[in-house]
C-alpha cells in the first residue's frame, strides 16, 4: 500500500455516480487493433484482471509462442498467447482499476497530463517516475519535457494498415469444405507465409483481417475523396464498408476483397473497417532523468517511455507488434519497478538498481529492432512494383508468384509443425498440397500471388523478449 499511481487520459469522463468510463461517441479506429498477450505476461495478471478480460467468447488462442535460443522459455512451456481487441482490453483494465482493492492505490484523472499539471506537481506533490505511453498527448510531452541532450527521434517510414472486422456467426457450419473460412491453424500458416495480409481471430467466429498498404496505396487512400471517412480515424459500419468496396473499380478495394477471398471470409460477414496510420520514429533512449525535477528523496525524477511514446508502431499488425509490443513494454517496466532493490524505491531512501533499468532498456531495444526488421525496404519496393505493374490475372497456372508463395507456405507449415510443445494447434495443420489447392480454388488473381510472394514469409520474430 505504499505506491500511489495517477493515470491521466482525456478520453475518459466521469458519470453521475463518480465512475470513470470511456468517452466514445464514435468508435475509434485503434480500438479495432488486436493485442496478442503472450502467456508469460497474462499469466502474471491479477485474478481480477483475468476474470474481467477473458470472458467466454471474448478472446482467442491463435499464435504459438516459439521460444528461440536464449529465450527465457527455452526449457519450459508457457501458457498459450491470447488475442483480445484493444477496445475490450481498455474497457476491462478501466473497470479493474476502479475495484475497491485497486482504487485505493490508483487515481484516475479524466483529463490530459500537460505542462501545467507537470509544473504543479513539481511544486506541490513531486513524483518519482513519469511514464509516457499512448496517444497524442504523450508524444507532445516527449518533445517538451525530455532533455534534448539525449538526442532526437530518428524518422522511419510511416505504416498504414486497413483493418476489416468480421463476424461469421454460425454460417461456417452450413457450407462445403472448399467454401468454408480457413481454420485457425490454416489462417496462421497463410498469415505467416507472406506479409501483406494477416488474420487475427478474437473468438471462435470473429476476427480482423489486416492489409498492409504500400506507400503508393497509402498516398492514394489519403488523397481519395471517397475515403475521407477512413482518413478521419473513425470506424465504418457494415453498410459504409459495402458502399466503399462498391465504389472501387479495382485497385485498393479489389485487393481488400482479395484478402477476404484468401481466408474464405464472405464479404457479407464484414461488420466494420478502419484505417490505422503510424508516423515512424525511433527514440534514442527509453529512460530519461528529469534534471530540473526532484523526487521526494531529492533525487532526479525519471521519465520512462513505452507504447507510442517509445516507438510509433500502432499500425503494425500481428503478434509482437503494435498493441502487443506496447503490452510487452509495459510488462517489462512493471517488472522493473517491482523488482527487488537495495531498499524499497517508493520510500524516501529507496532507489531502483541501475541493472534493472538497463535490463528494461535492453527489452525496449529488442522491441524496437523487431519492428524495424519486419519492415523490409526490398519488400516495400517489390509491393509498389507489383501493385503498379500490369499482370495477366487470368492465368495463374503459369503464375510465378503462386509457385513462390507455395514454397513459402510449405516452409512456414514445416516451421509451425516444430512448435508442438508451444502451440496446441500444431496437430491441426493441413498438408501443404491440400492448403495450396484450397487457396487456388478461391480464384485469386495472379497479381495477388505476386504481391504475397514478394513480401516474403515472417521470420517468427514474435518470440517473447523478456
Protein backbone atom coordinates (compact mmCIF):
# COMPACT_ATOMS: atom_id res chain seq x y z
CA UNK A 1 0.00 0.00 0.00
CA UNK A 2 2.99 2.35 -0.29
CA UNK A 3 2.72 3.14 -4.00
CA UNK A 4 0.37 5.78 -5.34
CA UNK A 5 -0.26 5.90 -9.09
CA UNK A 6 -2.03 8.60 -11.08
CA UNK A 7 -3.27 7.85 -14.59
CA UNK A 8 -4.32 10.63 -16.97
CA UNK A 9 -6.47 10.35 -20.11
CA UNK A 10 -8.81 12.95 -21.59
CA UNK A 11 -10.67 10.18 -23.42
CA UNK A 12 -12.32 9.34 -20.09
CA UNK A 13 -15.29 11.00 -18.47
CA UNK A 14 -16.88 10.76 -15.03
CA UNK A 15 -20.55 9.80 -14.78
CA UNK A 16 -23.10 10.99 -12.19
CA UNK A 17 -22.06 8.18 -9.82
CA UNK A 18 -18.41 9.17 -9.94
CA UNK A 19 -17.38 6.19 -12.08
CA UNK A 20 -14.85 6.79 -14.84
CA UNK A 21 -15.69 5.43 -18.28
CA UNK A 22 -14.50 5.82 -21.84
CA UNK A 23 -15.83 8.86 -23.69
CA UNK A 24 -16.72 7.20 -27.02
CA UNK A 25 -19.43 8.92 -29.03
CA UNK A 26 -17.98 7.21 -32.09
CA UNK A 27 -15.78 4.13 -32.17
CA UNK A 28 -12.15 4.99 -32.82
CA UNK A 29 -10.06 3.10 -35.36
CA UNK A 30 -7.36 1.97 -32.93
CA UNK A 31 -9.91 0.00 -30.86
CA UNK A 32 -10.14 -2.44 -33.81
CA UNK A 33 -6.48 -3.39 -33.40
CA UNK A 34 -5.79 -6.77 -31.83
CA UNK A 35 -3.41 -7.19 -28.89
CA UNK A 36 -1.71 -10.57 -28.59
CA UNK A 37 -0.88 -11.18 -24.93
CA UNK A 38 1.99 -13.67 -24.56
CA UNK A 39 1.35 -16.39 -21.99
CA UNK A 40 4.20 -15.28 -19.75
CA UNK A 41 2.54 -11.85 -19.45
CA UNK A 42 -1.16 -12.59 -18.99
CA UNK A 43 -0.43 -15.42 -16.51
CA UNK A 44 1.01 -12.78 -14.18
CA UNK A 45 -2.12 -10.60 -14.34
CA UNK A 46 -4.02 -10.42 -11.03
CA UNK A 47 -7.09 -12.66 -10.92
CA UNK A 48 -9.39 -9.63 -11.15
CA UNK A 49 -7.89 -8.62 -14.49
CA UNK A 50 -8.00 -12.16 -15.88
CA UNK A 51 -11.66 -12.56 -14.87
CA UNK A 52 -12.68 -9.27 -16.48
CA UNK A 53 -10.56 -9.71 -19.59
CA UNK A 54 -11.01 -13.34 -20.52
CA UNK A 55 -14.77 -13.65 -20.62
CA UNK A 56 -16.10 -16.70 -22.55
CA UNK A 57 -16.12 -15.79 -26.22
CA UNK A 58 -14.02 -12.68 -25.60
CA UNK A 59 -10.59 -13.93 -26.70
CA UNK A 60 -8.86 -16.41 -28.98
CA UNK A 61 -5.78 -18.60 -28.62
CA UNK A 62 -4.19 -18.45 -32.05
CA UNK A 63 -0.46 -17.75 -32.15
CA UNK A 64 2.31 -20.04 -30.93
CA UNK A 65 4.98 -18.90 -28.51
CA UNK A 66 8.00 -20.17 -30.39
CA UNK A 67 10.94 -19.96 -27.99
CA UNK A 68 14.24 -19.30 -29.66
CA UNK A 69 17.76 -19.94 -28.49
CA UNK A 70 18.47 -17.92 -25.37
CA UNK A 71 14.81 -17.29 -24.65
CA UNK A 72 13.69 -17.35 -21.06
CA UNK A 73 11.22 -20.05 -22.08
CA UNK A 74 13.53 -22.45 -23.91
CA UNK A 75 13.20 -25.06 -21.18
CA UNK A 76 9.57 -24.62 -20.16
CA UNK A 77 6.12 -24.42 -21.72
CA UNK A 78 4.40 -21.05 -21.26
CA UNK A 79 0.66 -20.62 -21.48
CA UNK A 80 -0.86 -20.09 -24.92
CA UNK A 81 -0.85 -16.48 -26.18
CA UNK A 82 -4.30 -14.87 -26.28
CA UNK A 83 -5.79 -12.36 -28.74
CA UNK A 84 -8.00 -9.56 -27.39
CA UNK A 85 -9.42 -6.49 -29.14
CA UNK A 86 -7.72 -3.33 -27.87
CA UNK A 87 -11.12 -1.78 -27.13
CA UNK A 88 -12.09 -4.78 -24.98
CA UNK A 89 -8.72 -4.66 -23.20
CA UNK A 90 -9.12 -0.97 -22.39
CA UNK A 91 -12.62 -1.42 -21.01
CA UNK A 92 -11.54 -4.32 -18.79
CA UNK A 93 -8.49 -2.52 -17.37
CA UNK A 94 -10.52 0.61 -16.58
CA UNK A 95 -13.12 -1.48 -14.73
CA UNK A 96 -10.48 -3.29 -12.70
CA UNK A 97 -8.73 -0.02 -11.78
CA UNK A 98 -11.95 1.07 -10.03
CA UNK A 99 -12.42 -2.06 -7.93
CA UNK A 100 -12.01 -1.35 -4.18
CA UNK A 101 -8.72 -3.24 -3.86
CA UNK A 102 -7.20 -1.20 -6.73
CA UNK A 103 -8.84 2.21 -6.36
CA UNK A 104 -7.02 2.77 -3.04
CA UNK A 105 -3.74 2.94 -4.95
CA UNK A 106 -4.78 4.13 -8.43
CA UNK A 107 -6.08 7.64 -9.00
CA UNK A 108 -7.83 8.11 -12.38
CA UNK A 109 -7.69 11.62 -13.87
CA UNK A 110 -10.13 12.15 -16.78
CA UNK A 111 -8.08 14.91 -18.39
CA UNK A 112 -4.75 15.34 -20.13
CA UNK A 113 -1.41 15.48 -18.37
CA UNK A 114 0.08 18.73 -19.64
CA UNK A 115 2.96 21.04 -18.84
CA UNK A 116 0.81 22.98 -16.38
CA UNK A 117 -0.01 19.81 -14.43
CA UNK A 118 3.65 18.85 -14.58
CA UNK A 119 4.77 22.15 -13.04
CA UNK A 120 2.05 21.98 -10.41
CA UNK A 121 3.17 18.51 -9.26
CA UNK A 122 6.78 19.62 -9.33
CA UNK A 123 5.98 22.31 -6.76
CA UNK A 124 3.29 20.66 -4.62
CA UNK A 125 3.37 16.86 -4.98
CA UNK A 126 6.58 15.62 -6.65
CA UNK A 127 6.72 12.15 -8.16
CA UNK A 128 9.49 9.67 -8.75
CA UNK A 129 8.56 8.16 -12.11
CA UNK A 130 6.66 9.64 -15.07
CA UNK A 131 5.52 7.10 -17.68
CA UNK A 132 4.61 8.46 -21.12
CA UNK A 133 2.63 5.90 -23.11
CA UNK A 134 -0.04 6.08 -25.83
CA UNK A 135 -1.97 8.84 -27.53
CA UNK A 136 -1.18 12.26 -28.96
CA UNK A 137 -0.50 14.00 -25.62
CA UNK A 138 2.44 11.78 -24.53
CA UNK A 139 4.01 12.35 -27.95
CA UNK A 140 3.82 16.11 -27.46
CA UNK A 141 5.26 15.84 -23.95
CA UNK A 142 8.20 13.80 -25.24
CA UNK A 143 9.26 16.85 -27.20
CA UNK A 144 8.61 19.43 -24.47
CA UNK A 145 9.70 17.66 -21.27
CA UNK A 146 12.61 15.41 -22.17
CA UNK A 147 16.20 16.64 -22.19
CA UNK A 148 17.45 17.46 -25.70
CA UNK A 149 20.96 16.20 -24.96
CA UNK A 150 19.76 12.61 -25.24
CA UNK A 151 19.25 13.01 -28.97
CA UNK A 152 16.43 13.34 -31.47
CA UNK A 153 13.88 10.91 -32.81
CA UNK A 154 15.19 9.02 -35.85
CA UNK A 155 12.48 9.12 -38.55
CA UNK A 156 11.32 5.83 -40.05
CA UNK A 157 8.89 5.07 -42.90
CA UNK A 158 5.24 5.52 -41.95
CA UNK A 159 2.96 2.49 -41.76
CA UNK A 160 -0.65 2.26 -42.97
CA UNK A 161 -2.97 -0.71 -42.46
CA UNK A 162 -6.59 -1.36 -43.40
CA UNK A 163 -8.45 -3.47 -40.82
CA UNK A 164 -11.73 -5.27 -41.52
CA UNK A 165 -13.66 -6.87 -38.66
CA UNK A 166 -15.93 -9.81 -39.41
CA UNK A 167 -18.46 -11.99 -37.61
CA UNK A 168 -19.15 -15.40 -39.14
CA UNK A 169 -21.87 -16.35 -36.69
CA UNK A 170 -22.99 -19.92 -37.43
CA UNK A 171 -22.64 -19.53 -41.20
CA UNK A 172 -19.48 -21.64 -41.39
CA UNK A 173 -21.47 -24.69 -40.27
CA UNK A 174 -23.59 -24.78 -43.43
CA UNK A 175 -21.03 -24.56 -46.23
CA UNK A 176 -18.93 -27.09 -48.11
CA UNK A 177 -15.34 -27.73 -47.10
CA UNK A 178 -13.98 -25.76 -50.05
CA UNK A 179 -16.19 -22.73 -49.28
CA UNK A 180 -15.68 -22.54 -45.53
CA UNK A 181 -13.34 -19.95 -43.95
CA UNK A 182 -9.84 -21.18 -43.20
CA UNK A 183 -9.45 -22.81 -39.81
CA UNK A 184 -7.40 -21.04 -37.14
CA UNK A 185 -4.36 -23.22 -37.85
CA UNK A 186 -4.69 -22.72 -41.61
CA UNK A 187 -5.07 -18.96 -41.23
CA UNK A 188 -1.91 -18.83 -39.09
CA UNK A 189 0.07 -20.59 -41.83
CA UNK A 190 -1.25 -18.32 -44.59
CA UNK A 191 -0.72 -15.19 -42.48
CA UNK A 192 2.91 -16.05 -41.72
CA UNK A 193 3.78 -17.17 -45.26
CA UNK A 194 3.59 -13.54 -46.52
CA UNK A 195 3.43 -10.02 -45.06
CA UNK A 196 0.62 -8.36 -46.99
CA UNK A 197 -2.42 -9.90 -45.25
CA UNK A 198 -2.87 -11.21 -41.72
CA UNK A 199 -5.90 -12.62 -39.96
CA UNK A 200 -6.27 -12.21 -36.20
CA UNK A 201 -9.03 -14.25 -34.53
CA UNK A 202 -10.69 -12.72 -31.46
CA UNK A 203 -13.01 -15.67 -30.68
CA UNK A 204 -14.38 -18.77 -32.45
CA UNK A 205 -16.30 -16.83 -35.11
CA UNK A 206 -14.98 -13.24 -35.03
CA UNK A 207 -11.72 -11.68 -36.09
CA UNK A 208 -9.95 -8.94 -38.01
CA UNK A 209 -8.30 -9.04 -41.42
CA UNK A 210 -5.34 -6.68 -41.73
CA UNK A 211 -3.92 -5.50 -45.05
CA UNK A 212 -0.64 -3.64 -45.09
CA UNK A 213 -0.64 -0.80 -47.62
CA UNK A 214 2.26 0.11 -49.84
CA UNK A 215 3.38 3.73 -49.80
CA UNK A 216 1.55 4.34 -53.08
CA UNK A 217 -1.66 2.76 -51.78
CA UNK A 218 -1.49 4.80 -48.59
CA UNK A 219 -0.97 8.01 -50.56
CA UNK A 220 -3.91 7.17 -52.82
CA UNK A 221 -6.12 6.38 -49.83
CA UNK A 222 -5.26 9.64 -48.07
CA UNK A 223 -5.85 11.68 -51.25
CA UNK A 224 -9.05 9.98 -52.39
CA UNK A 225 -12.23 11.94 -51.77
CA UNK A 226 -14.24 8.72 -51.39
CA UNK A 227 -12.02 7.67 -48.48
CA UNK A 228 -12.44 10.77 -46.33
CA UNK A 229 -14.26 8.80 -43.62
CA UNK A 230 -11.42 6.28 -43.41
CA UNK A 231 -8.90 9.09 -43.05
CA UNK A 232 -10.79 10.51 -40.06
CA UNK A 233 -9.70 7.63 -37.76
CA UNK A 234 -13.34 6.59 -37.37
CA UNK A 235 -14.75 3.10 -37.85
CA UNK A 236 -17.01 2.41 -40.85
CA UNK A 237 -20.03 0.21 -40.19
CA UNK A 238 -21.08 -2.69 -42.43
CA UNK A 239 -23.20 -0.53 -44.77
CA UNK A 240 -20.47 2.06 -45.22
CA UNK A 241 -17.90 -0.69 -45.88
CA UNK A 242 -20.12 -2.17 -48.60
CA UNK A 243 -20.54 1.24 -50.24
CA UNK A 244 -16.78 1.86 -50.12
CA UNK A 245 -16.00 -1.51 -51.67
CA UNK A 246 -18.59 -0.99 -54.43
CA UNK A 247 -17.09 2.39 -55.37
CA UNK A 248 -13.77 0.78 -56.16
CA UNK A 249 -13.28 -0.37 -59.73
CA UNK A 250 -10.20 -2.39 -58.91
CA UNK A 251 -7.18 -1.08 -57.03
CA UNK A 252 -7.33 -0.85 -53.26
CA UNK A 253 -10.89 -2.13 -52.91
CA UNK A 254 -10.14 -5.13 -55.08
CA UNK A 255 -7.06 -6.05 -53.05
CA UNK A 256 -9.05 -5.84 -49.83
CA UNK A 257 -11.60 -8.22 -51.31
CA UNK A 258 -8.79 -10.49 -52.47
CA UNK A 259 -7.70 -10.73 -48.85
CA UNK A 260 -11.21 -11.80 -47.83
CA UNK A 261 -11.17 -14.49 -50.52
CA UNK A 262 -7.71 -15.69 -49.46
CA UNK A 263 -9.01 -16.55 -45.98
CA UNK A 264 -12.51 -17.59 -47.11
CA UNK A 265 -14.31 -14.72 -45.34
CA UNK A 266 -17.64 -13.87 -47.05
CA UNK A 267 -17.93 -10.17 -47.80
CA UNK A 268 -21.39 -10.02 -46.24
CA UNK A 269 -19.88 -11.09 -42.90
CA UNK A 270 -17.77 -7.90 -42.63
CA UNK A 271 -19.13 -5.70 -39.84
CA UNK A 272 -16.69 -2.76 -39.81
CA UNK A 273 -13.50 -1.35 -41.27
CA UNK A 274 -10.88 1.19 -40.15
CA UNK A 275 -7.56 2.60 -41.30
CA UNK A 276 -4.59 2.72 -38.93
CA UNK A 277 -1.69 5.09 -39.55
CA UNK A 278 1.63 5.46 -37.76
CA UNK A 279 4.35 8.00 -38.46
CA UNK A 280 7.56 6.09 -37.95
CA UNK A 281 10.13 7.23 -35.41
CA UNK A 282 12.70 5.66 -33.10
CA UNK A 283 13.61 7.23 -29.77
CA UNK A 284 17.31 7.45 -28.87
CA UNK A 285 16.58 6.15 -25.34
CA UNK A 286 13.69 4.98 -23.17
CA UNK A 287 14.62 6.13 -19.65
CA UNK A 288 15.41 9.81 -19.05
CA UNK A 289 16.40 11.63 -15.84
CA UNK A 290 14.48 14.89 -15.46
CA UNK A 291 17.31 17.11 -14.26
CA UNK A 292 15.10 20.04 -13.31
CA UNK A 293 12.70 17.97 -11.22
CA UNK A 294 13.35 16.34 -7.85
CA UNK A 295 11.53 13.41 -6.32
CA UNK A 296 10.59 13.30 -2.61
CA UNK A 297 14.01 11.84 -1.72
CA UNK A 298 15.69 14.75 -3.58
CA UNK A 299 16.94 12.52 -6.39
CA UNK A 300 16.17 13.27 -10.02
CA UNK A 301 12.71 12.24 -11.17
CA UNK A 302 12.77 9.82 -14.09
CA UNK A 303 10.68 9.67 -17.28
CA UNK A 304 10.08 6.29 -18.94
CA UNK A 305 8.75 5.80 -22.47
CA UNK A 306 6.57 2.87 -23.59
CA UNK A 307 3.93 2.37 -26.29
CA UNK A 308 3.54 5.10 -28.91
CA UNK A 309 5.80 7.46 -26.97
CA UNK A 310 8.65 4.97 -27.34
CA UNK A 311 8.12 3.89 -30.94
CA UNK A 312 5.30 4.79 -33.28
CA UNK A 313 4.10 1.39 -34.40
CA UNK A 314 0.41 1.04 -33.67
CA UNK A 315 -0.37 0.39 -37.35
CA UNK A 316 1.93 -2.64 -37.38
CA UNK A 317 -0.12 -5.80 -37.20
CA UNK A 318 0.38 -9.29 -35.87
CA UNK A 319 1.78 -10.89 -32.72
CA UNK A 320 4.65 -8.91 -31.28
CA UNK A 321 3.78 -5.62 -32.99
CA UNK A 322 1.65 -2.56 -32.28
CA UNK A 323 -0.52 -3.07 -29.21
CA UNK A 324 1.19 -6.39 -28.50
CA UNK A 325 4.62 -4.73 -28.33
CA UNK A 326 3.21 -1.93 -26.15
CA UNK A 327 1.98 -4.54 -23.65
CA UNK A 328 5.36 -6.24 -23.57
CA UNK A 329 6.99 -2.86 -22.91
CA UNK A 330 4.53 -2.11 -20.10
CA UNK A 331 5.12 -5.54 -18.56
CA UNK A 332 8.88 -5.02 -18.69
CA UNK A 333 8.61 -1.63 -16.99
CA UNK A 334 6.23 -3.01 -14.33
CA UNK A 335 8.68 -5.84 -13.65
CA UNK A 336 11.49 -3.29 -13.31
CA UNK A 337 9.56 -1.14 -10.86
CA UNK A 338 8.52 -4.19 -8.84
CA UNK A 339 11.95 -5.84 -8.83
CA UNK A 340 13.90 -6.22 -5.62
CA UNK A 341 16.07 -3.19 -4.95
CA UNK A 342 18.60 -2.28 -2.34
CA UNK A 343 15.67 -0.72 -0.48
CA UNK A 344 12.09 -0.10 -1.49
CA UNK A 345 12.31 2.61 -4.16
CA UNK A 346 8.97 4.14 -3.15
CA UNK A 347 10.34 5.08 0.28
CA UNK A 348 12.35 8.26 0.65
CA UNK A 349 15.60 6.31 0.84
CA UNK A 350 14.93 3.74 -1.87
CA UNK A 351 16.07 3.50 -5.47
CA UNK A 352 15.95 1.06 -8.36
CA UNK A 353 19.20 -0.63 -9.21
CA UNK A 354 20.78 0.54 -12.47
CA UNK A 355 20.96 -3.11 -13.59
CA UNK A 356 17.17 -3.36 -13.51
CA UNK A 357 16.74 -0.21 -15.59
CA UNK A 358 19.37 -1.45 -18.05
CA UNK A 359 17.51 -4.75 -18.43
CA UNK A 360 14.33 -2.82 -19.25
CA UNK A 361 16.24 -0.75 -21.81
CA UNK A 362 17.50 -3.94 -23.45
CA UNK A 363 13.92 -5.19 -23.73
CA UNK A 364 12.83 -1.90 -25.31
CA UNK A 365 15.67 -2.10 -27.83
CA UNK A 366 14.66 -5.64 -28.78
CA UNK A 367 11.09 -4.47 -29.36
CA UNK A 368 12.41 -1.60 -31.48
CA UNK A 369 14.64 -3.89 -33.57
CA UNK A 370 11.79 -6.36 -34.00
CA UNK A 371 9.63 -3.65 -35.58
CA UNK A 372 12.44 -2.29 -37.76
CA UNK A 373 13.40 -5.74 -39.05
CA UNK A 374 9.82 -6.53 -40.03
CA UNK A 375 9.55 -3.60 -42.46
CA UNK A 376 11.79 -4.64 -45.32
CA UNK A 377 12.78 -1.94 -47.82
CA UNK A 378 13.08 -4.52 -50.59
CA UNK A 379 9.62 -5.93 -49.80
CA UNK A 380 8.18 -2.40 -49.83
CA UNK A 381 9.76 -1.71 -53.22
CA UNK A 382 8.51 -5.03 -54.55
CA UNK A 383 4.98 -4.33 -53.33
CA UNK A 384 4.96 -0.97 -55.08
CA UNK A 385 6.27 -2.56 -58.28
CA UNK A 386 3.75 -5.41 -58.25
CA UNK A 387 0.82 -3.14 -57.46
CA UNK A 388 1.80 -0.62 -60.15
CA UNK A 389 2.56 -3.27 -62.77
CA UNK A 390 0.19 -4.95 -65.19
CA UNK A 391 -0.29 -8.68 -64.65
CA UNK A 392 -2.33 -11.14 -66.68
CA UNK A 393 -4.75 -12.03 -63.95
CA UNK A 394 -6.41 -14.87 -65.82
CA UNK A 395 -3.58 -17.38 -65.98
CA UNK A 396 -2.49 -18.48 -62.51
CA UNK A 397 -1.40 -21.92 -63.76
CA UNK A 398 1.78 -20.31 -65.06
CA UNK A 399 1.99 -17.73 -62.28
CA UNK A 400 5.49 -17.46 -60.86
CA UNK A 401 4.08 -15.70 -57.79
CA UNK A 402 1.89 -18.72 -57.00
CA UNK A 403 4.91 -21.03 -57.19
CA UNK A 404 6.98 -18.86 -54.87
CA UNK A 405 4.10 -18.38 -52.44
CA UNK A 406 3.51 -22.16 -52.41
CA UNK A 407 7.15 -22.77 -51.45
CA UNK A 408 6.92 -20.12 -48.72
CA UNK A 409 3.71 -21.70 -47.46
CA UNK A 410 5.30 -25.15 -47.31
CA UNK A 411 8.30 -23.81 -45.36
CA UNK A 412 6.01 -21.96 -42.95
CA UNK A 413 3.98 -25.10 -42.29
CA UNK A 414 7.18 -27.04 -41.62
CA UNK A 415 8.36 -24.42 -39.11
CA UNK A 416 4.99 -24.31 -37.35
CA UNK A 417 4.99 -28.10 -37.05
CA UNK A 418 8.13 -27.80 -34.92
CA UNK A 419 6.21 -25.67 -32.40
CA UNK A 420 4.22 -28.60 -30.98
CA UNK A 421 5.42 -28.08 -27.42
CA UNK A 422 4.44 -24.38 -27.58
CA UNK A 423 1.27 -24.49 -29.67
CA UNK A 424 -1.84 -26.57 -29.16
CA UNK A 425 -2.93 -26.15 -32.80
CA UNK A 426 0.15 -27.72 -34.37
CA UNK A 427 -1.65 -31.05 -34.85
CA UNK A 428 -4.38 -29.24 -36.81
CA UNK A 429 -2.05 -28.02 -39.55
CA UNK A 430 -3.05 -29.13 -43.07
CA UNK A 431 -0.86 -30.80 -45.65
CA UNK A 432 0.82 -28.20 -47.89
CA UNK A 433 -0.70 -29.63 -51.08
CA UNK A 434 -4.22 -29.53 -49.66
CA UNK A 435 -3.89 -25.95 -48.44
CA UNK A 436 -2.44 -24.88 -51.79
CA UNK A 437 -5.33 -26.46 -53.68
CA UNK A 438 -7.81 -24.78 -51.38
CA UNK A 439 -6.23 -21.35 -51.96
CA UNK A 440 -6.06 -21.81 -55.73
CA UNK A 441 -9.78 -22.64 -55.80
CA UNK A 442 -10.63 -19.22 -54.33
CA UNK A 443 -9.96 -17.60 -57.72
CA UNK A 444 -7.36 -15.09 -56.58
CA UNK A 445 -5.64 -13.03 -59.27
CA UNK A 446 -2.05 -13.64 -60.26
CA UNK A 447 -1.18 -10.14 -59.02
CA UNK A 448 -2.29 -11.11 -55.51
CA UNK A 449 0.04 -14.12 -55.56
CA UNK A 450 2.88 -11.94 -56.85
CA UNK A 451 2.41 -9.44 -54.01
CA UNK A 452 2.26 -12.21 -51.41
CA UNK A 453 5.35 -13.87 -52.85
CA UNK A 454 7.48 -10.74 -52.92
CA UNK A 455 6.78 -9.72 -49.32
CA UNK A 456 8.41 -12.97 -48.07
CA UNK A 457 7.39 -15.04 -45.02
CA UNK A 458 7.61 -13.94 -41.41
CA UNK A 459 10.72 -14.97 -39.53
CA UNK A 460 8.84 -15.72 -36.30
CA UNK A 461 10.20 -12.63 -34.59
CA UNK A 462 7.32 -12.63 -32.11
CA UNK A 463 9.34 -14.69 -29.65
CA UNK A 464 8.92 -13.20 -26.14
CA UNK A 465 11.74 -10.77 -25.41
CA UNK A 466 11.59 -10.93 -21.62
